[in-house]
Amino acid sequence: MNKIETDTYDKNGYIFPLRIMSEEQALDYRRQLEQIEIQYQDDAEAQHAIRYYSNFVLPFCYEITLRKEILEPVKAILGEDLLVWNLALWIKEPQTDDYVSWHQDLTYWGLDDTDEITAWLALSRATTESGCMRFIPGSHKQNIVEHKDTFSKQNLLSRGQEIAVEVDEFQAVDVKLKPGEMSLHHGRMFHASEPNKSNDRRIGLAIRYINPSMKQIGGENGHAMLACGKNNYGHFELVSPPSAPLDRDAMRNYCAAKTLHERILYEGAAQKGRSK
């Protein structure tokens, strides 16, 4: 990114759209994903791994995290050394009521600092009608605010968590993206999205990059993948890339990461919601 773009990110807490790949290549990735979804449609554990730990179990998702078109703007903000803490698929089926409430990503992740960026890559059109993300400019400059758990069945967040203070939605910016375009946003950004009322799936990859100096609160090493540079801190157990979709080693890594992640995610919760 150039200085104007990094200044815009510093001011607003986000930047979009950034063209990462052609629409044709994005749609090819979508086809790969949907073929795998069909193949494992009767395997609930595999479906969960595909959705919430995609880079651990799908080679093409791991490949996407290493694309220089994504890494270069992220490095301009976080520095030359990057880990991928997580990659999750955010899919809203057409004509459904699923939504994402206003929240800040870092609320329940159990990370000790804020050196994190989410790169959200569209594999289908993200429009107002299909329920694209919405950002509140400058909200990343606030600390983590109070959240409450709703455990709403239609809320795609793990605990149905939502910001417990008033959000001025008149300030909200719709993050409209074409296939192959990306947005970047800060972990304290107030953001949300409405249901998908279009006739197509809304598919996005949320890649969470962190500086290796970050660590999981609680003393246990988390799980991550090296994206570029060096991991000089040893705060995360580095996971090997998958050699084939959902192979034995990949699923072993997924299970280990899921166990720790869920323990952190539901810390202090009255119940367990969507498994992430």
C-alpha atoms as a PDB file:
ATOM      1  CA  MET A   1       0.000   0.000   0.000  1.00  0.00           C
ATOM      2  CA  ASN A   2       1.067   3.562  -0.562  1.00  0.00           C
ATOM      3  CA  LYS A   3       1.199   6.203   2.184  1.00  0.00           C
ATOM      4  CA  ILE A   4      -2.262   7.557   1.338  1.00  0.00           C
ATOM      5  CA  GLU A   5      -3.739   4.077   1.789  1.00  0.00           C
ATOM      6  CA  THR A   6      -1.923   3.406   5.065  1.00  0.00           C
ATOM      7  CA  ASP A   7      -2.964   6.829   6.354  1.00  0.00           C
ATOM      8  CA  THR A   8      -6.558   6.015   5.397  1.00  0.00           C
ATOM      9  CA  TYR A   9      -6.313   2.741   7.304  1.00  0.00           C
ATOM     10  CA  ASP A  10      -4.861   4.499  10.352  1.00  0.00           C
ATOM     11  CA  LYS A  11      -7.675   7.077  10.278  1.00  0.00           C
ATOM     12  CA  ASN A  12     -10.664   4.830   9.554  1.00  0.00           C
ATOM     13  CA  GLY A  13      -9.506   1.409  10.764  1.00  0.00           C
ATOM     14  CA  TYR A  14     -10.205  -0.167   7.398  1.00  0.00           C
ATOM     15  CA  ILE A  15      -9.506   0.087   3.692  1.00  0.00           C
ATOM     16  CA  PHE A  16     -11.327  -1.349   0.670  1.00  0.00           C
ATOM     17  CA  PRO A  17     -11.613  -2.383  -2.088  1.00  0.00           C
ATOM     18  CA  LEU A  18      -8.212  -3.864  -2.863  1.00  0.00           C
ATOM     19  CA  ARG A  19      -8.047  -6.000  -6.015  1.00  0.00           C
ATOM     20  CA  ILE A  20      -6.246  -9.245  -5.107  1.00  0.00           C
ATOM     21  CA  MET A  21      -7.033 -11.511  -8.045  1.00  0.00           C
ATOM     22  CA  SER A  22      -9.229 -11.599 -11.110  1.00  0.00           C
ATOM     23  CA  GLU A  23     -12.928 -12.397 -10.795  1.00  0.00           C
ATOM     24  CA  GLU A  24     -12.268 -15.544 -12.818  1.00  0.00           C
ATOM     25  CA  GLN A  25      -9.679 -16.807 -10.326  1.00  0.00           C
ATOM     26  CA  ALA A  26     -11.911 -15.972  -7.356  1.00  0.00           C
ATOM     27  CA  LEU A  27     -14.763 -17.909  -8.945  1.00  0.00           C
ATOM     28  CA  ASP A  28     -12.409 -20.824  -9.594  1.00  0.00           C
ATOM     29  CA  TYR A  29     -11.559 -20.887  -5.872  1.00  0.00           C
ATOM     30  CA  ARG A  30     -15.298 -20.818  -5.183  1.00  0.00           C
ATOM     31  CA  ARG A  31     -15.803 -23.847  -7.426  1.00  0.00           C
ATOM     32  CA  GLN A  32     -13.057 -25.727  -5.568  1.00  0.00           C
ATOM     33  CA  LEU A  33     -14.700 -24.905  -2.257  1.00  0.00           C
ATOM     34  CA  GLU A  34     -18.154 -25.950  -3.345  1.00  0.00           C
ATOM     35  CA  GLN A  35     -16.903 -29.232  -4.768  1.00  0.00           C
ATOM     36  CA  ILE A  36     -15.310 -30.025  -1.393  1.00  0.00           C
ATOM     37  CA  GLU A  37     -18.504 -28.984   0.422  1.00  0.00           C
ATOM     38  CA  ILE A  38     -20.488 -31.454  -1.680  1.00  0.00           C
ATOM     39  CA  GLN A  39     -17.923 -34.194  -1.106  1.00  0.00           C
ATOM     40  CA  TYR A  40     -18.169 -33.820   2.695  1.00  0.00           C
ATOM     41  CA  GLN A  41     -21.814 -32.781   2.991  1.00  0.00           C
ATOM     42  CA  ASP A  42     -22.640 -35.743   5.266  1.00  0.00           C
ATOM     43  CA  ASP A  43     -19.624 -35.309   7.573  1.00  0.00           C
ATOM     44  CA  ALA A  44     -20.358 -32.702  10.258  1.00  0.00           C
ATOM     45  CA  GLU A  45     -16.815 -32.603  11.648  1.00  0.00           C
ATOM     46  CA  ALA A  46     -15.325 -32.115   8.184  1.00  0.00           C
ATOM     47  CA  GLN A  47     -17.838 -29.349   7.458  1.00  0.00           C
ATOM     48  CA  HIS A  48     -16.816 -27.575  10.657  1.00  0.00           C
ATOM     49  CA  ALA A  49     -13.119 -27.852   9.794  1.00  0.00           C
ATOM     50  CA  ILE A  50     -13.778 -26.501   6.294  1.00  0.00           C
ATOM     51  CA  ARG A  51     -15.714 -23.492   7.602  1.00  0.00           C
ATOM     52  CA  TYR A  52     -13.685 -22.415  10.601  1.00  0.00           C
ATOM     53  CA  TYR A  53     -10.103 -23.707  10.144  1.00  0.00           C
ATOM     54  CA  SER A  54      -9.928 -23.566   6.367  1.00  0.00           C
ATOM     55  CA  ASN A  55      -6.176 -22.974   5.980  1.00  0.00           C
ATOM     56  CA  PHE A  56      -5.405 -25.908   8.288  1.00  0.00           C
ATOM     57  CA  VAL A  57      -7.324 -28.410   6.140  1.00  0.00           C
ATOM     58  CA  LEU A  58      -7.644 -27.009   2.592  1.00  0.00           C
ATOM     59  CA  PRO A  59      -4.475 -26.526   0.497  1.00  0.00           C
ATOM     60  CA  PHE A  60      -6.028 -23.870  -1.718  1.00  0.00           C
ATOM     61  CA  CYS A  61      -6.985 -21.766   1.336  1.00  0.00           C
ATOM     62  CA  TYR A  62      -3.451 -22.042   2.674  1.00  0.00           C
ATOM     63  CA  GLU A  63      -2.247 -20.965  -0.786  1.00  0.00           C
ATOM     64  CA  ILE A  64      -4.447 -17.862  -0.667  1.00  0.00           C
ATOM     65  CA  THR A  65      -2.946 -16.743   2.668  1.00  0.00           C
ATOM     66  CA  LEU A  66       0.502 -16.568   1.042  1.00  0.00           C
ATOM     67  CA  ARG A  67      -0.475 -14.446  -1.971  1.00  0.00           C
ATOM     68  CA  LYS A  68       1.790 -11.423  -2.174  1.00  0.00           C
ATOM     69  CA  GLU A  69      -1.168  -9.249  -3.207  1.00  0.00           C
ATOM     70  CA  ILE A  70      -2.592  -9.855   0.273  1.00  0.00           C
ATOM     71  CA  LEU A  71       0.646  -9.961   2.244  1.00  0.00           C
ATOM     72  CA  GLU A  72       2.111  -6.711   0.918  1.00  0.00           C
ATOM     73  CA  PRO A  73      -0.640  -4.388   2.246  1.00  0.00           C
ATOM     74  CA  VAL A  74      -0.785  -6.320   5.528  1.00  0.00           C
ATOM     75  CA  LYS A  75       3.009  -6.054   5.946  1.00  0.00           C
ATOM     76  CA  ALA A  76       2.766  -2.301   5.323  1.00  0.00           C
ATOM     77  CA  ILE A  77       0.738  -2.104   8.551  1.00  0.00           C
ATOM     78  CA  LEU A  78       1.965  -4.949  10.785  1.00  0.00           C
ATOM     79  CA  GLY A  79       5.546  -5.408   9.591  1.00  0.00           C
ATOM     80  CA  GLU A  80       7.536  -8.043   7.739  1.00  0.00           C
ATOM     81  CA  ASP A  81       6.887 -10.965  10.120  1.00  0.00           C
ATOM     82  CA  LEU A  82       3.370 -12.389   9.931  1.00  0.00           C
ATOM     83  CA  LEU A  83       1.466 -15.392  11.250  1.00  0.00           C
ATOM     84  CA  VAL A  84      -1.951 -16.530  10.108  1.00  0.00           C
ATOM     85  CA  TRP A  85      -3.820 -17.014  13.378  1.00  0.00           C
ATOM     86  CA  ASN A  86      -7.000 -18.227  11.727  1.00  0.00           C
ATOM     87  CA  LEU A  87      -8.880 -18.396   8.447  1.00  0.00           C
ATOM     88  CA  ALA A  88     -12.655 -18.824   8.509  1.00  0.00           C
ATOM     89  CA  LEU A  89     -15.245 -18.911   5.754  1.00  0.00           C
ATOM     90  CA  TRP A  90     -18.159 -16.541   6.214  1.00  0.00           C
ATOM     91  CA  ILE A  91     -21.002 -17.891   4.118  1.00  0.00           C
ATOM     92  CA  LYS A  92     -24.565 -16.622   4.037  1.00  0.00           C
ATOM     93  CA  GLU A  93     -26.955 -18.714   2.022  1.00  0.00           C
ATOM     94  CA  PRO A  94     -29.361 -16.864  -0.316  1.00  0.00           C
ATOM     95  CA  GLN A  95     -32.670 -15.630   1.040  1.00  0.00           C
ATOM     96  CA  THR A  96     -31.857 -16.448   4.670  1.00  0.00           C
ATOM     97  CA  ASP A  97     -32.082 -14.554   7.949  1.00  0.00           C
ATOM     98  CA  ASP A  98     -28.535 -15.135   9.222  1.00  0.00           C
ATOM     99  CA  TYR A  99     -26.767 -11.944  10.269  1.00  0.00           C
ATOM    100  CA  VAL A 100     -23.768 -10.676  12.244  1.00  0.00           C
ATOM    101  CA  SER A 101     -24.395  -8.247  15.100  1.00  0.00           C
ATOM    102  CA  TRP A 102     -22.248  -5.203  15.855  1.00  0.00           C
ATOM    103  CA  HIS A 103     -19.076  -6.412  17.539  1.00  0.00           C
ATOM    104  CA  GLN A 104     -15.290  -6.073  17.821  1.00  0.00           C
ATOM    105  CA  ASP A 105     -13.293  -9.129  16.726  1.00  0.00           C
ATOM    106  CA  LEU A 106     -10.735  -9.071  19.531  1.00  0.00           C
ATOM    107  CA  THR A 107     -13.346  -9.258  22.306  1.00  0.00           C
ATOM    108  CA  TYR A 108     -13.175 -13.022  22.901  1.00  0.00           C
ATOM    109  CA  TRP A 109     -10.101 -14.197  21.000  1.00  0.00           C
ATOM    110  CA  GLY A 110      -7.836 -14.261  24.046  1.00  0.00           C
ATOM    111  CA  LEU A 111      -4.950 -12.408  22.373  1.00  0.00           C
ATOM    112  CA  ASP A 112      -2.783 -10.129  24.477  1.00  0.00           C
ATOM    113  CA  ASP A 113      -2.462  -7.182  22.080  1.00  0.00           C
ATOM    114  CA  THR A 114      -4.004  -5.582  19.001  1.00  0.00           C
ATOM    115  CA  ASP A 115      -1.371  -6.285  16.327  1.00  0.00           C
ATOM    116  CA  GLU A 116      -3.964  -8.071  14.170  1.00  0.00           C
ATOM    117  CA  ILE A 117      -5.593  -7.399  10.811  1.00  0.00           C
ATOM    118  CA  THR A 118      -8.449  -9.248   9.151  1.00  0.00           C
ATOM    119  CA  ALA A 119      -8.188  -9.574   5.382  1.00  0.00           C
ATOM    120  CA  TRP A 120     -11.686 -10.337   4.061  1.00  0.00           C
ATOM    121  CA  LEU A 121     -11.564 -11.729   0.519  1.00  0.00           C
ATOM    122  CA  ALA A 122     -14.760 -12.005  -1.511  1.00  0.00           C
ATOM    123  CA  LEU A 123     -15.372 -15.178  -3.544  1.00  0.00           C
ATOM    124  CA  SER A 124     -18.843 -13.952  -4.523  1.00  0.00           C
ATOM    125  CA  ARG A 125     -20.386 -10.503  -4.704  1.00  0.00           C
ATOM    126  CA  ALA A 126     -20.710  -8.792  -1.337  1.00  0.00           C
ATOM    127  CA  THR A 127     -23.445  -6.178  -1.765  1.00  0.00           C
ATOM    128  CA  THR A 128     -25.919  -4.390   0.468  1.00  0.00           C
ATOM    129  CA  GLU A 129     -28.564  -6.882  -0.690  1.00  0.00           C
ATOM    130  CA  SER A 130     -26.369  -9.926   0.008  1.00  0.00           C
ATOM    131  CA  GLY A 131     -25.401  -8.712   3.487  1.00  0.00           C
ATOM    132  CA  CYS A 132     -21.944  -7.197   3.056  1.00  0.00           C
ATOM    133  CA  MET A 133     -19.998  -6.065   6.106  1.00  0.00           C
ATOM    134  CA  ARG A 134     -20.636  -2.615   7.546  1.00  0.00           C
ATOM    135  CA  PHE A 135     -17.960  -0.556   9.330  1.00  0.00           C
ATOM    136  CA  ILE A 136     -18.131   2.425  11.692  1.00  0.00           C
ATOM    137  CA  PRO A 137     -15.211   4.663  10.601  1.00  0.00           C
ATOM    138  CA  GLY A 138     -12.726   5.434  13.358  1.00  0.00           C
ATOM    139  CA  SER A 139     -14.277   3.044  15.887  1.00  0.00           C
ATOM    140  CA  HIS A 140     -11.004   1.085  16.075  1.00  0.00           C
ATOM    141  CA  LYS A 141      -9.560   3.934  18.138  1.00  0.00           C
ATOM    142  CA  GLN A 142     -11.724   2.884  21.066  1.00  0.00           C
ATOM    143  CA  ASN A 143     -10.732   0.168  23.492  1.00  0.00           C
ATOM    144  CA  ILE A 144     -12.775  -3.030  23.620  1.00  0.00           C
ATOM    145  CA  VAL A 145     -16.237  -1.939  24.764  1.00  0.00           C
ATOM    146  CA  GLU A 146     -18.750  -3.960  26.735  1.00  0.00           C
ATOM    147  CA  HIS A 147     -20.408  -6.806  24.814  1.00  0.00           C
ATOM    148  CA  LYS A 148     -23.357  -9.002  25.727  1.00  0.00           C
ATOM    149  CA  ASP A 149     -24.103 -12.581  24.676  1.00  0.00           C
ATOM    150  CA  THR A 150     -27.413 -13.267  22.918  1.00  0.00           C
ATOM    151  CA  PHE A 151     -26.882 -16.787  21.517  1.00  0.00           C
ATOM    152  CA  SER A 152     -29.397 -15.894  18.806  1.00  0.00           C
ATOM    153  CA  LYS A 153     -29.838 -18.791  16.366  1.00  0.00           C
ATOM    154  CA  GLN A 154     -29.627 -16.440  13.374  1.00  0.00           C
ATOM    155  CA  ASN A 155     -26.492 -14.673  14.638  1.00  0.00           C
ATOM    156  CA  LEU A 156     -23.414 -16.148  12.938  1.00  0.00           C
ATOM    157  CA  LEU A 157     -21.118 -15.172  15.821  1.00  0.00           C
ATOM    158  CA  SER A 158     -20.110 -17.905  18.265  1.00  0.00           C
ATOM    159  CA  ARG A 159     -21.836 -16.398  21.318  1.00  0.00           C
ATOM    160  CA  GLY A 160     -24.190 -14.116  19.400  1.00  0.00           C
ATOM    161  CA  GLN A 161     -22.108 -11.382  20.969  1.00  0.00           C
ATOM    162  CA  GLU A 162     -23.039  -7.788  20.332  1.00  0.00           C
ATOM    163  CA  ILE A 163     -21.830  -4.413  21.467  1.00  0.00           C
ATOM    164  CA  ALA A 164     -23.720  -3.295  24.576  1.00  0.00           C
ATOM    165  CA  VAL A 165     -23.256   0.428  23.905  1.00  0.00           C
ATOM    166  CA  GLU A 166     -25.165   2.453  21.342  1.00  0.00           C
ATOM    167  CA  VAL A 167     -23.875   2.271  17.758  1.00  0.00           C
ATOM    168  CA  ASP A 168     -24.724   5.145  15.418  1.00  0.00           C
ATOM    169  CA  GLU A 169     -25.642   3.159  12.297  1.00  0.00           C
ATOM    170  CA  PHE A 170     -26.059   6.356  10.280  1.00  0.00           C
ATOM    171  CA  GLN A 171     -22.255   6.492  10.199  1.00  0.00           C
ATOM    172  CA  ALA A 172     -21.965   2.945   8.854  1.00  0.00           C
ATOM    173  CA  VAL A 173     -20.159   2.285   5.558  1.00  0.00           C
ATOM    174  CA  ASP A 174     -21.214  -0.667   3.392  1.00  0.00           C
ATOM    175  CA  VAL A 175     -18.178  -2.754   2.406  1.00  0.00           C
ATOM    176  CA  LYS A 176     -19.201  -3.695  -1.125  1.00  0.00           C
ATOM    177  CA  LEU A 177     -16.786  -6.089  -2.814  1.00  0.00           C
ATOM    178  CA  LYS A 178     -16.620  -7.904  -6.135  1.00  0.00           C
ATOM    179  CA  PRO A 179     -15.183 -11.430  -6.389  1.00  0.00           C
ATOM    180  CA  GLY A 180     -11.409 -11.185  -5.997  1.00  0.00           C
ATOM    181  CA  GLU A 181     -11.535  -7.921  -4.026  1.00  0.00           C
ATOM    182  CA  MET A 182     -10.515  -7.590  -0.386  1.00  0.00           C
ATOM    183  CA  SER A 183     -11.022  -5.339   2.607  1.00  0.00           C
ATOM    184  CA  LEU A 184      -8.692  -4.935   5.578  1.00  0.00           C
ATOM    185  CA  HIS A 185      -9.971  -4.048   9.031  1.00  0.00           C
ATOM    186  CA  HIS A 186      -8.602  -3.564  12.539  1.00  0.00           C
ATOM    187  CA  GLY A 187      -9.480  -5.995  15.346  1.00  0.00           C
ATOM    188  CA  ARG A 188     -11.255  -3.266  17.345  1.00  0.00           C
ATOM    189  CA  MET A 189     -13.386  -2.105  14.398  1.00  0.00           C
ATOM    190  CA  PHE A 190     -17.140  -1.918  15.085  1.00  0.00           C
ATOM    191  CA  HIS A 191     -18.624  -4.033  12.303  1.00  0.00           C
ATOM    192  CA  ALA A 192     -21.729  -6.040  11.451  1.00  0.00           C
ATOM    193  CA  SER A 193     -23.684  -7.398   8.490  1.00  0.00           C
ATOM    194  CA  GLU A 194     -27.326  -7.871   7.539  1.00  0.00           C
ATOM    195  CA  PRO A 195     -29.043 -11.021   6.171  1.00  0.00           C
ATOM    196  CA  ASN A 196     -28.508 -12.158   2.586  1.00  0.00           C
ATOM    197  CA  LYS A 197     -31.643 -11.304   0.620  1.00  0.00           C
ATOM    198  CA  SER A 198     -30.039 -11.935  -2.771  1.00  0.00           C
ATOM    199  CA  ASN A 199     -30.358 -15.084  -4.880  1.00  0.00           C
ATOM    200  CA  ASP A 200     -26.703 -16.089  -4.569  1.00  0.00           C
ATOM    201  CA  ARG A 201     -24.490 -17.218  -1.707  1.00  0.00           C
ATOM    202  CA  ARG A 202     -22.343 -14.557  -0.055  1.00  0.00           C
ATOM    203  CA  ILE A 203     -18.925 -16.170   0.410  1.00  0.00           C
ATOM    204  CA  GLY A 204     -15.926 -14.528   2.030  1.00  0.00           C
ATOM    205  CA  LEU A 205     -12.615 -15.690   3.500  1.00  0.00           C
ATOM    206  CA  ALA A 206     -11.636 -13.899   6.706  1.00  0.00           C
ATOM    207  CA  ILE A 207      -7.865 -14.275   7.137  1.00  0.00           C
ATOM    208  CA  ARG A 208      -6.604 -13.129  10.540  1.00  0.00           C
ATOM    209  CA  TYR A 209      -2.952 -12.060  10.387  1.00  0.00           C
ATOM    210  CA  ILE A 210      -1.022 -11.289  13.567  1.00  0.00           C
ATOM    211  CA  ASN A 211       2.454 -10.147  14.536  1.00  0.00           C
ATOM    212  CA  PRO A 212       4.426 -13.073  16.062  1.00  0.00           C
ATOM    213  CA  SER A 213       4.973 -10.988  19.201  1.00  0.00           C
ATOM    214  CA  MET A 214       1.305 -11.579  20.062  1.00  0.00           C
ATOM    215  CA  LYS A 215       0.410 -14.466  22.348  1.00  0.00           C
ATOM    216  CA  GLN A 216      -2.601 -16.243  23.757  1.00  0.00           C
ATOM    217  CA  ILE A 217      -3.626 -15.161  27.242  1.00  0.00           C
ATOM    218  CA  GLY A 218      -3.545 -17.977  29.771  1.00  0.00           C
ATOM    219  CA  GLY A 219      -0.094 -19.376  29.219  1.00  0.00           C
ATOM    220  CA  GLU A 220      -0.824 -21.940  26.519  1.00  0.00           C
ATOM    221  CA  ASN A 221       0.685 -21.637  23.065  1.00  0.00           C
ATOM    222  CA  GLY A 222      -1.905 -21.155  20.369  1.00  0.00           C
ATOM    223  CA  HIS A 223      -1.764 -22.594  16.868  1.00  0.00           C
ATOM    224  CA  ALA A 224      -0.840 -20.580  13.789  1.00  0.00           C
ATOM    225  CA  MET A 225       0.843 -20.809  10.390  1.00  0.00           C
ATOM    226  CA  LEU A 226       3.855 -18.790   9.261  1.00  0.00           C
ATOM    227  CA  ALA A 227       2.881 -16.482   6.406  1.00  0.00           C
ATOM    228  CA  CYS A 228       6.157 -14.609   5.891  1.00  0.00           C
ATOM    229  CA  GLY A 229       9.281 -13.499   7.703  1.00  0.00           C
ATOM    230  CA  LYS A 230      10.351 -15.118  10.972  1.00  0.00           C
ATOM    231  CA  ASN A 231       8.723 -16.379  14.132  1.00  0.00           C
ATOM    232  CA  ASN A 232      11.274 -15.279  16.719  1.00  0.00           C
ATOM    233  CA  TYR A 233       8.996 -15.451  19.762  1.00  0.00           C
ATOM    234  CA  GLY A 234       7.702 -19.024  19.899  1.00  0.00           C
ATOM    235  CA  HIS A 235       4.321 -17.958  21.284  1.00  0.00           C
ATOM    236  CA  PHE A 236       2.451 -20.157  18.806  1.00  0.00           C
ATOM    237  CA  GLU A 237       2.855 -23.739  17.722  1.00  0.00           C
ATOM    238  CA  LEU A 238       3.466 -23.565  13.987  1.00  0.00           C
ATOM    239  CA  VAL A 239       1.129 -25.810  12.015  1.00  0.00           C
ATOM    240  CA  SER A 240       2.326 -27.523   8.823  1.00  0.00           C
ATOM    241  CA  PRO A 241       0.320 -26.798   5.671  1.00  0.00           C
ATOM    242  CA  PRO A 242      -2.149 -29.473   4.523  1.00  0.00           C
ATOM    243  CA  SER A 243      -0.858 -31.756   1.777  1.00  0.00           C
ATOM    244  CA  ALA A 244      -4.375 -32.785   0.700  1.00  0.00           C
ATOM    245  CA  PRO A 245      -7.899 -31.685   1.665  1.00  0.00           C
ATOM    246  CA  LEU A 246      -8.739 -32.881   5.195  1.00  0.00           C
ATOM    247  CA  ASP A 247      -5.904 -35.414   5.339  1.00  0.00           C
ATOM    248  CA  ARG A 248      -5.039 -37.143   8.613  1.00  0.00           C
ATOM    249  CA  ASP A 249      -2.352 -34.691   9.746  1.00  0.00           C
ATOM    250  CA  ALA A 250      -4.508 -31.712   8.806  1.00  0.00           C
ATOM    251  CA  MET A 251      -7.441 -32.996  10.853  1.00  0.00           C
ATOM    252  CA  ARG A 252      -5.140 -33.684  13.814  1.00  0.00           C
ATOM    253  CA  ASN A 253      -3.948 -30.060  13.700  1.00  0.00           C
ATOM    254  CA  TYR A 254      -7.540 -28.857  13.363  1.00  0.00           C
ATOM    255  CA  CYS A 255      -8.674 -30.836  16.418  1.00  0.00           C
ATOM    256  CA  ALA A 256      -5.850 -29.477  18.583  1.00  0.00           C
ATOM    257  CA  ALA A 257      -6.509 -25.874  17.526  1.00  0.00           C
ATOM    258  CA  LYS A 258     -10.274 -26.226  17.940  1.00  0.00           C
ATOM    259  CA  THR A 259      -9.978 -27.594  21.492  1.00  0.00           C
ATOM    260  CA  LEU A 260      -7.876 -24.656  22.687  1.00  0.00           C
ATOM    261  CA  HIS A 261      -9.800 -22.052  20.700  1.00  0.00           C
ATOM    262  CA  GLU A 262     -13.179 -23.124  22.052  1.00  0.00           C
ATOM    263  CA  ARG A 263     -11.904 -23.157  25.625  1.00  0.00           C
ATOM    264  CA  ILE A 264     -10.789 -19.536  25.209  1.00  0.00           C
ATOM    265  CA  LEU A 265     -13.807 -18.445  23.174  1.00  0.00           C
ATOM    266  CA  TYR A 266     -16.395 -19.604  25.693  1.00  0.00           C
ATOM    267  CA  GLU A 267     -14.519 -18.471  28.804  1.00  0.00           C
ATOM    268  CA  GLY A 268     -17.160 -17.202  31.241  1.00  0.00           C
ATOM    269  CA  ALA A 269     -20.075 -17.874  28.859  1.00  0.00           C
ATOM    270  CA  ALA A 270     -23.392 -19.092  30.272  1.00  0.00           C
ATOM    271  CA  GLN A 271     -23.667 -21.630  27.461  1.00  0.00           C
ATOM    272  CA  LYS A 272     -21.896 -22.820  24.341  1.00  0.00           C
ATOM    273  CA  GLY A 273     -23.117 -21.450  21.019  1.00  0.00           C
ATOM    274  CA  ARG A 274     -21.932 -21.996  17.471  1.00  0.00           C
ATOM    275  CA  SER A 275     -18.739 -24.021  17.497  1.00  0.00           C
ATOM    276  CA  LYS A 276     -15.875 -22.076  15.920  1.00  0.00           C
END
